[in-house]
Amino acid sequence: MSAPILDEIRGRMRHGDSIDDVDHELIERTGLSPDEKAALWLYAWSFVPRRQQRASAELHLRLVTPRS
């Protein structure tokens, strides 16, 4: 993985950009393999505060869990 892409992700996430913006505007445009993009996404995700990570995960789980 090249240092410039990691530097750009780090800078944007520390600046307060959303992970969605970083994903759509940067990661998806790299032309890398799906596995490489996933690794970059996880790297960006590591900058999201833990409380936000949990809230986002719980929201997504509710959206995909069938209602009984």
PDB file of N, CA and C in Angstrom:
ATOM      1  N   MET A   1       0.859  -1.171   0.000  1.00  0.00           N
ATOM      2  CA  MET A   1       0.000   0.000   0.000  1.00  0.00           C
ATOM      3  C   MET A   1       0.902   1.229   0.000  1.00  0.00           C
ATOM      4  N   SER A   2       0.549   2.187  -0.799  1.00  0.00           N
ATOM      5  CA  SER A   2       1.406   3.363  -0.916  1.00  0.00           C
ATOM      6  C   SER A   2       1.177   4.335   0.246  1.00  0.00           C
ATOM      7  N   ALA A   3       2.267   4.967   0.656  1.00  0.00           N
ATOM      8  CA  ALA A   3       2.199   5.934   1.750  1.00  0.00           C
ATOM      9  C   ALA A   3       1.300   7.125   1.421  1.00  0.00           C
ATOM     10  N   PRO A   4       1.320   7.653   0.176  1.00  0.00           N
ATOM     11  CA  PRO A   4       0.468   8.824  -0.094  1.00  0.00           C
ATOM     12  C   PRO A   4      -1.024   8.586   0.171  1.00  0.00           C
ATOM     13  N   ILE A   5      -1.549   7.422  -0.183  1.00  0.00           N
ATOM     14  CA  ILE A   5      -2.970   7.156   0.050  1.00  0.00           C
ATOM     15  C   ILE A   5      -3.255   7.059   1.544  1.00  0.00           C
ATOM     16  N   LEU A   6      -2.350   6.440   2.279  1.00  0.00           N
ATOM     17  CA  LEU A   6      -2.528   6.337   3.730  1.00  0.00           C
ATOM     18  C   LEU A   6      -2.438   7.717   4.374  1.00  0.00           C
ATOM     19  N   ASP A   7      -1.515   8.531   3.905  1.00  0.00           N
ATOM     20  CA  ASP A   7      -1.385   9.904   4.418  1.00  0.00           C
ATOM     21  C   ASP A   7      -2.650  10.710   4.147  1.00  0.00           C
ATOM     22  N   GLU A   8      -3.220  10.555   2.953  1.00  0.00           N
ATOM     23  CA  GLU A   8      -4.429  11.287   2.593  1.00  0.00           C
ATOM     24  C   GLU A   8      -5.607  10.844   3.462  1.00  0.00           C
ATOM     25  N   ILE A   9      -5.751   9.543   3.661  1.00  0.00           N
ATOM     26  CA  ILE A   9      -6.823   9.031   4.517  1.00  0.00           C
ATOM     27  C   ILE A   9      -6.637   9.556   5.935  1.00  0.00           C
ATOM     28  N   ARG A  10      -5.443   9.431   6.459  1.00  0.00           N
ATOM     29  CA  ARG A  10      -5.147   9.884   7.821  1.00  0.00           C
ATOM     30  C   ARG A  10      -5.479  11.369   7.977  1.00  0.00           C
ATOM     31  N   GLY A  11      -5.015  12.179   7.030  1.00  0.00           N
ATOM     32  CA  GLY A  11      -5.247  13.611   7.105  1.00  0.00           C
ATOM     33  C   GLY A  11      -6.717  13.971   7.056  1.00  0.00           C
ATOM     34  N   ARG A  12      -7.445  13.342   6.154  1.00  0.00           N
ATOM     35  CA  ARG A  12      -8.868  13.656   6.018  1.00  0.00           C
ATOM     36  C   ARG A  12      -9.668  13.200   7.234  1.00  0.00           C
ATOM     37  N   MET A  13      -9.352  12.026   7.762  1.00  0.00           N
ATOM     38  CA  MET A  13     -10.083  11.543   8.928  1.00  0.00           C
ATOM     39  C   MET A  13      -9.766  12.396  10.147  1.00  0.00           C
ATOM     40  N   ARG A  14      -8.516  12.776  10.320  1.00  0.00           N
ATOM     41  CA  ARG A  14      -8.154  13.641  11.452  1.00  0.00           C
ATOM     42  C   ARG A  14      -8.749  15.032  11.303  1.00  0.00           C
ATOM     43  N   HIS A  15      -8.981  15.447  10.084  1.00  0.00           N
ATOM     44  CA  HIS A  15      -9.586  16.751   9.820  1.00  0.00           C
ATOM     45  C   HIS A  15     -11.078  16.744  10.113  1.00  0.00           C
ATOM     46  N   GLY A  16     -11.663  15.555  10.234  1.00  0.00           N
ATOM     47  CA  GLY A  16     -13.076  15.442  10.561  1.00  0.00           C
ATOM     48  C   GLY A  16     -13.972  15.051   9.403  1.00  0.00           C
ATOM     49  N   ASP A  17     -13.370  14.672   8.271  1.00  0.00           N
ATOM     50  CA  ASP A  17     -14.187  14.197   7.150  1.00  0.00           C
ATOM     51  C   ASP A  17     -14.915  12.921   7.559  1.00  0.00           C
ATOM     52  N   SER A  18     -16.075  12.704   6.983  1.00  0.00           N
ATOM     53  CA  SER A  18     -16.818  11.480   7.302  1.00  0.00           C
ATOM     54  C   SER A  18     -16.182  10.295   6.591  1.00  0.00           C
ATOM     55  N   ILE A  19     -16.379   9.124   7.169  1.00  0.00           N
ATOM     56  CA  ILE A  19     -15.844   7.922   6.537  1.00  0.00           C
ATOM     57  C   ILE A  19     -16.521   7.682   5.192  1.00  0.00           C
ATOM     58  N   ASP A  20     -17.792   8.068   5.064  1.00  0.00           N
ATOM     59  CA  ASP A  20     -18.479   7.916   3.778  1.00  0.00           C
ATOM     60  C   ASP A  20     -17.818   8.770   2.703  1.00  0.00           C
ATOM     61  N   ASP A  21     -17.470  10.011   3.048  1.00  0.00           N
ATOM     62  CA  ASP A  21     -16.807  10.880   2.075  1.00  0.00           C
ATOM     63  C   ASP A  21     -15.441  10.333   1.690  1.00  0.00           C
ATOM     64  N   VAL A  22     -14.681   9.889   2.679  1.00  0.00           N
ATOM     65  CA  VAL A  22     -13.352   9.333   2.396  1.00  0.00           C
ATOM     66  C   VAL A  22     -13.476   8.089   1.517  1.00  0.00           C
ATOM     67  N   ASP A  23     -14.467   7.274   1.808  1.00  0.00           N
ATOM     68  CA  ASP A  23     -14.683   6.065   1.022  1.00  0.00           C
ATOM     69  C   ASP A  23     -15.044   6.410  -0.419  1.00  0.00           C
ATOM     70  N   HIS A  24     -16.048   7.240  -0.609  1.00  0.00           N
ATOM     71  CA  HIS A  24     -16.538   7.544  -1.955  1.00  0.00           C
ATOM     72  C   HIS A  24     -15.565   8.407  -2.763  1.00  0.00           C
ATOM     73  N   GLU A  25     -14.961   9.374  -2.121  1.00  0.00           N
ATOM     74  CA  GLU A  25     -14.112  10.315  -2.839  1.00  0.00           C
ATOM     75  C   GLU A  25     -12.668   9.866  -2.985  1.00  0.00           C
ATOM     76  N   LEU A  26     -12.243   8.937  -2.157  1.00  0.00           N
ATOM     77  CA  LEU A  26     -10.833   8.555  -2.175  1.00  0.00           C
ATOM     78  C   LEU A  26     -10.640   7.051  -2.392  1.00  0.00           C
ATOM     79  N   ILE A  27     -11.132   6.259  -1.475  1.00  0.00           N
ATOM     80  CA  ILE A  27     -10.867   4.815  -1.513  1.00  0.00           C
ATOM     81  C   ILE A  27     -11.445   4.167  -2.762  1.00  0.00           C
ATOM     82  N   GLU A  28     -12.713   4.448  -3.077  1.00  0.00           N
ATOM     83  CA  GLU A  28     -13.348   3.812  -4.237  1.00  0.00           C
ATOM     84  C   GLU A  28     -12.702   4.220  -5.564  1.00  0.00           C
ATOM     85  N   ARG A  29     -12.031   5.325  -5.592  1.00  0.00           N
ATOM     86  CA  ARG A  29     -11.425   5.812  -6.836  1.00  0.00           C
ATOM     87  C   ARG A  29      -9.987   5.346  -7.034  1.00  0.00           C
ATOM     88  N   THR A  30      -9.484   4.502  -6.149  1.00  0.00           N
ATOM     89  CA  THR A  30      -8.079   4.086  -6.228  1.00  0.00           C
ATOM     90  C   THR A  30      -7.800   3.098  -7.348  1.00  0.00           C
ATOM     91  N   GLY A  31      -8.792   2.326  -7.743  1.00  0.00           N
ATOM     92  CA  GLY A  31      -8.542   1.298  -8.742  1.00  0.00           C
ATOM     93  C   GLY A  31      -7.866   0.063  -8.161  1.00  0.00           C
ATOM     94  N   LEU A  32      -7.852  -0.034  -6.837  1.00  0.00           N
ATOM     95  CA  LEU A  32      -7.248  -1.189  -6.176  1.00  0.00           C
ATOM     96  C   LEU A  32      -8.235  -2.350  -6.130  1.00  0.00           C
ATOM     97  N   SER A  33      -7.748  -3.500  -5.727  1.00  0.00           N
ATOM     98  CA  SER A  33      -8.600  -4.686  -5.610  1.00  0.00           C
ATOM     99  C   SER A  33      -9.590  -4.487  -4.462  1.00  0.00           C
ATOM    100  N   PRO A  34     -10.677  -5.263  -4.462  1.00  0.00           N
ATOM    101  CA  PRO A  34     -11.640  -5.164  -3.356  1.00  0.00           C
ATOM    102  C   PRO A  34     -11.005  -5.398  -1.982  1.00  0.00           C
ATOM    103  N   ASP A  35     -10.079  -6.327  -1.885  1.00  0.00           N
ATOM    104  CA  ASP A  35      -9.412  -6.585  -0.600  1.00  0.00           C
ATOM    105  C   ASP A  35      -8.566  -5.389  -0.165  1.00  0.00           C
ATOM    106  N   GLU A  36      -7.883  -4.767  -1.109  1.00  0.00           N
ATOM    107  CA  GLU A  36      -7.076  -3.588  -0.780  1.00  0.00           C
ATOM    108  C   GLU A  36      -7.970  -2.424  -0.364  1.00  0.00           C
ATOM    109  N   LYS A  37      -9.092  -2.258  -1.049  1.00  0.00           N
ATOM    110  CA  LYS A  37     -10.035  -1.199  -0.676  1.00  0.00           C
ATOM    111  C   LYS A  37     -10.609  -1.463   0.715  1.00  0.00           C
ATOM    112  N   ALA A  38     -10.904  -2.719   1.003  1.00  0.00           N
ATOM    113  CA  ALA A  38     -11.432  -3.068   2.324  1.00  0.00           C
ATOM    114  C   ALA A  38     -10.413  -2.741   3.413  1.00  0.00           C
ATOM    115  N   ALA A  39      -9.152  -3.016   3.146  1.00  0.00           N
ATOM    116  CA  ALA A  39      -8.099  -2.707   4.118  1.00  0.00           C
ATOM    117  C   ALA A  39      -8.002  -1.194   4.335  1.00  0.00           C
ATOM    118  N   LEU A  40      -8.107  -0.423   3.264  1.00  0.00           N
ATOM    119  CA  LEU A  40      -8.072   1.034   3.399  1.00  0.00           C
ATOM    120  C   LEU A  40      -9.285   1.530   4.169  1.00  0.00           C
ATOM    121  N   TRP A  41     -10.449   0.952   3.920  1.00  0.00           N
ATOM    122  CA  TRP A  41     -11.657   1.342   4.631  1.00  0.00           C
ATOM    123  C   TRP A  41     -11.496   1.060   6.122  1.00  0.00           C
ATOM    124  N   LEU A  42     -10.961  -0.105   6.459  1.00  0.00           N
ATOM    125  CA  LEU A  42     -10.734  -0.433   7.873  1.00  0.00           C
ATOM    126  C   LEU A  42      -9.749   0.538   8.515  1.00  0.00           C
ATOM    127  N   TYR A  43      -8.733   0.936   7.759  1.00  0.00           N
ATOM    128  CA  TYR A  43      -7.772   1.922   8.262  1.00  0.00           C
ATOM    129  C   TYR A  43      -8.493   3.239   8.560  1.00  0.00           C
ATOM    130  N   ALA A  44      -9.323   3.687   7.630  1.00  0.00           N
ATOM    131  CA  ALA A  44     -10.079   4.924   7.848  1.00  0.00           C
ATOM    132  C   ALA A  44     -11.020   4.755   9.049  1.00  0.00           C
ATOM    133  N   TRP A  45     -11.684   3.622   9.145  1.00  0.00           N
ATOM    134  CA  TRP A  45     -12.612   3.334  10.239  1.00  0.00           C
ATOM    135  C   TRP A  45     -11.918   3.412  11.593  1.00  0.00           C
ATOM    136  N   SER A  46     -10.624   3.086  11.628  1.00  0.00           N
ATOM    137  CA  SER A  46      -9.893   3.118  12.899  1.00  0.00           C
ATOM    138  C   SER A  46      -9.786   4.529  13.468  1.00  0.00           C
ATOM    139  N   PHE A  47     -10.045   5.553  12.659  1.00  0.00           N
ATOM    140  CA  PHE A  47     -10.007   6.934  13.127  1.00  0.00           C
ATOM    141  C   PHE A  47     -11.358   7.407  13.660  1.00  0.00           C
ATOM    142  N   VAL A  48     -12.411   6.632  13.429  1.00  0.00           N
ATOM    143  CA  VAL A  48     -13.740   6.990  13.938  1.00  0.00           C
ATOM    144  C   VAL A  48     -13.748   6.707  15.437  1.00  0.00           C
ATOM    145  N   PRO A  49     -14.199   7.669  16.252  1.00  0.00           N
ATOM    146  CA  PRO A  49     -14.234   7.436  17.704  1.00  0.00           C
ATOM    147  C   PRO A  49     -15.032   6.182  18.045  1.00  0.00           C
ATOM    148  N   ARG A  50     -14.558   5.480  19.053  1.00  0.00           N
ATOM    149  CA  ARG A  50     -15.128   4.195  19.434  1.00  0.00           C
ATOM    150  C   ARG A  50     -16.642   4.256  19.659  1.00  0.00           C
ATOM    151  N   ARG A  51     -17.116   5.291  20.322  1.00  0.00           N
ATOM    152  CA  ARG A  51     -18.554   5.411  20.589  1.00  0.00           C
ATOM    153  C   ARG A  51     -19.341   5.499  19.285  1.00  0.00           C
ATOM    154  N   GLN A  52     -18.818   6.239  18.319  1.00  0.00           N
ATOM    155  CA  GLN A  52     -19.474   6.343  17.011  1.00  0.00           C
ATOM    156  C   GLN A  52     -19.436   5.014  16.275  1.00  0.00           C
ATOM    157  N   GLN A  53     -18.334   4.290  16.407  1.00  0.00           N
ATOM    158  CA  GLN A  53     -18.232   2.977  15.761  1.00  0.00           C
ATOM    159  C   GLN A  53     -19.346   2.068  16.264  1.00  0.00           C
ATOM    160  N   ARG A  54     -19.500   2.025  17.583  1.00  0.00           N
ATOM    161  CA  ARG A  54     -20.517   1.146  18.170  1.00  0.00           C
ATOM    162  C   ARG A  54     -21.917   1.560  17.733  1.00  0.00           C
ATOM    163  N   ALA A  55     -22.213   2.849  17.780  1.00  0.00           N
ATOM    164  CA  ALA A  55     -23.543   3.331  17.394  1.00  0.00           C
ATOM    165  C   ALA A  55     -23.830   3.004  15.936  1.00  0.00           C
ATOM    166  N   SER A  56     -22.853   3.173  15.079  1.00  0.00           N
ATOM    167  CA  SER A  56     -23.028   2.875  13.662  1.00  0.00           C
ATOM    168  C   SER A  56     -23.256   1.376  13.448  1.00  0.00           C
ATOM    169  N   ALA A  57     -22.473   0.560  14.130  1.00  0.00           N
ATOM    170  CA  ALA A  57     -22.627  -0.891  13.998  1.00  0.00           C
ATOM    171  C   ALA A  57     -24.008  -1.336  14.464  1.00  0.00           C
ATOM    172  N   GLU A  58     -24.466  -0.787  15.590  1.00  0.00           N
ATOM    173  CA  GLU A  58     -25.786  -1.169  16.100  1.00  0.00           C
ATOM    174  C   GLU A  58     -26.900  -0.721  15.150  1.00  0.00           C
ATOM    175  N   LEU A  59     -26.760   0.468  14.581  1.00  0.00           N
ATOM    176  CA  LEU A  59     -27.746   0.939  13.618  1.00  0.00           C
ATOM    177  C   LEU A  59     -27.817   0.001  12.414  1.00  0.00           C
ATOM    178  N   HIS A  60     -26.664  -0.354  11.870  1.00  0.00           N
ATOM    179  CA  HIS A  60     -26.639  -1.236  10.709  1.00  0.00           C
ATOM    180  C   HIS A  60     -27.189  -2.624  11.042  1.00  0.00           C
ATOM    181  N   LEU A  61     -26.910  -3.104  12.237  1.00  0.00           N
ATOM    182  CA  LEU A  61     -27.468  -4.390  12.633  1.00  0.00           C
ATOM    183  C   LEU A  61     -28.992  -4.343  12.691  1.00  0.00           C
ATOM    184  N   ARG A  62     -29.533  -3.245  13.220  1.00  0.00           N
ATOM    185  CA  ARG A  62     -30.998  -3.116  13.258  1.00  0.00           C
ATOM    186  C   ARG A  62     -31.582  -3.085  11.851  1.00  0.00           C
ATOM    187  N   LEU A  63     -30.859  -2.479  10.923  1.00  0.00           N
ATOM    188  CA  LEU A  63     -31.368  -2.364   9.561  1.00  0.00           C
ATOM    189  C   LEU A  63     -31.379  -3.701   8.821  1.00  0.00           C
ATOM    190  N   VAL A  64     -30.479  -4.601   9.181  1.00  0.00           N
ATOM    191  CA  VAL A  64     -30.399  -5.881   8.473  1.00  0.00           C
ATOM    192  C   VAL A  64     -31.017  -7.040   9.235  1.00  0.00           C
ATOM    193  N   THR A  65     -31.411  -6.810  10.481  1.00  0.00           N
ATOM    194  CA  THR A  65     -31.997  -7.881  11.272  1.00  0.00           C
ATOM    195  C   THR A  65     -33.497  -7.955  10.996  1.00  0.00           C
ATOM    196  N   PRO A  66     -33.978  -9.139  10.626  1.00  0.00           N
ATOM    197  CA  PRO A  66     -35.420  -9.268  10.374  1.00  0.00           C
ATOM    198  C   PRO A  66     -36.216  -8.987  11.645  1.00  0.00           C
ATOM    199  N   ARG A  67     -37.337  -8.325  11.476  1.00  0.00           N
ATOM    200  CA  ARG A  67     -38.210  -8.032  12.615  1.00  0.00           C
ATOM    201  C   ARG A  67     -39.140  -9.210  12.838  1.00  0.00           C
ATOM    202  N   SER A  68     -39.320  -9.547  14.120  1.00  0.00           N
ATOM    203  CA  SER A  68     -40.207 -10.685  14.397  1.00  0.00           C
ATOM    204  C   SER A  68     -41.574 -10.238  14.803  1.00  0.00           C
TER     205      SER A  68
END
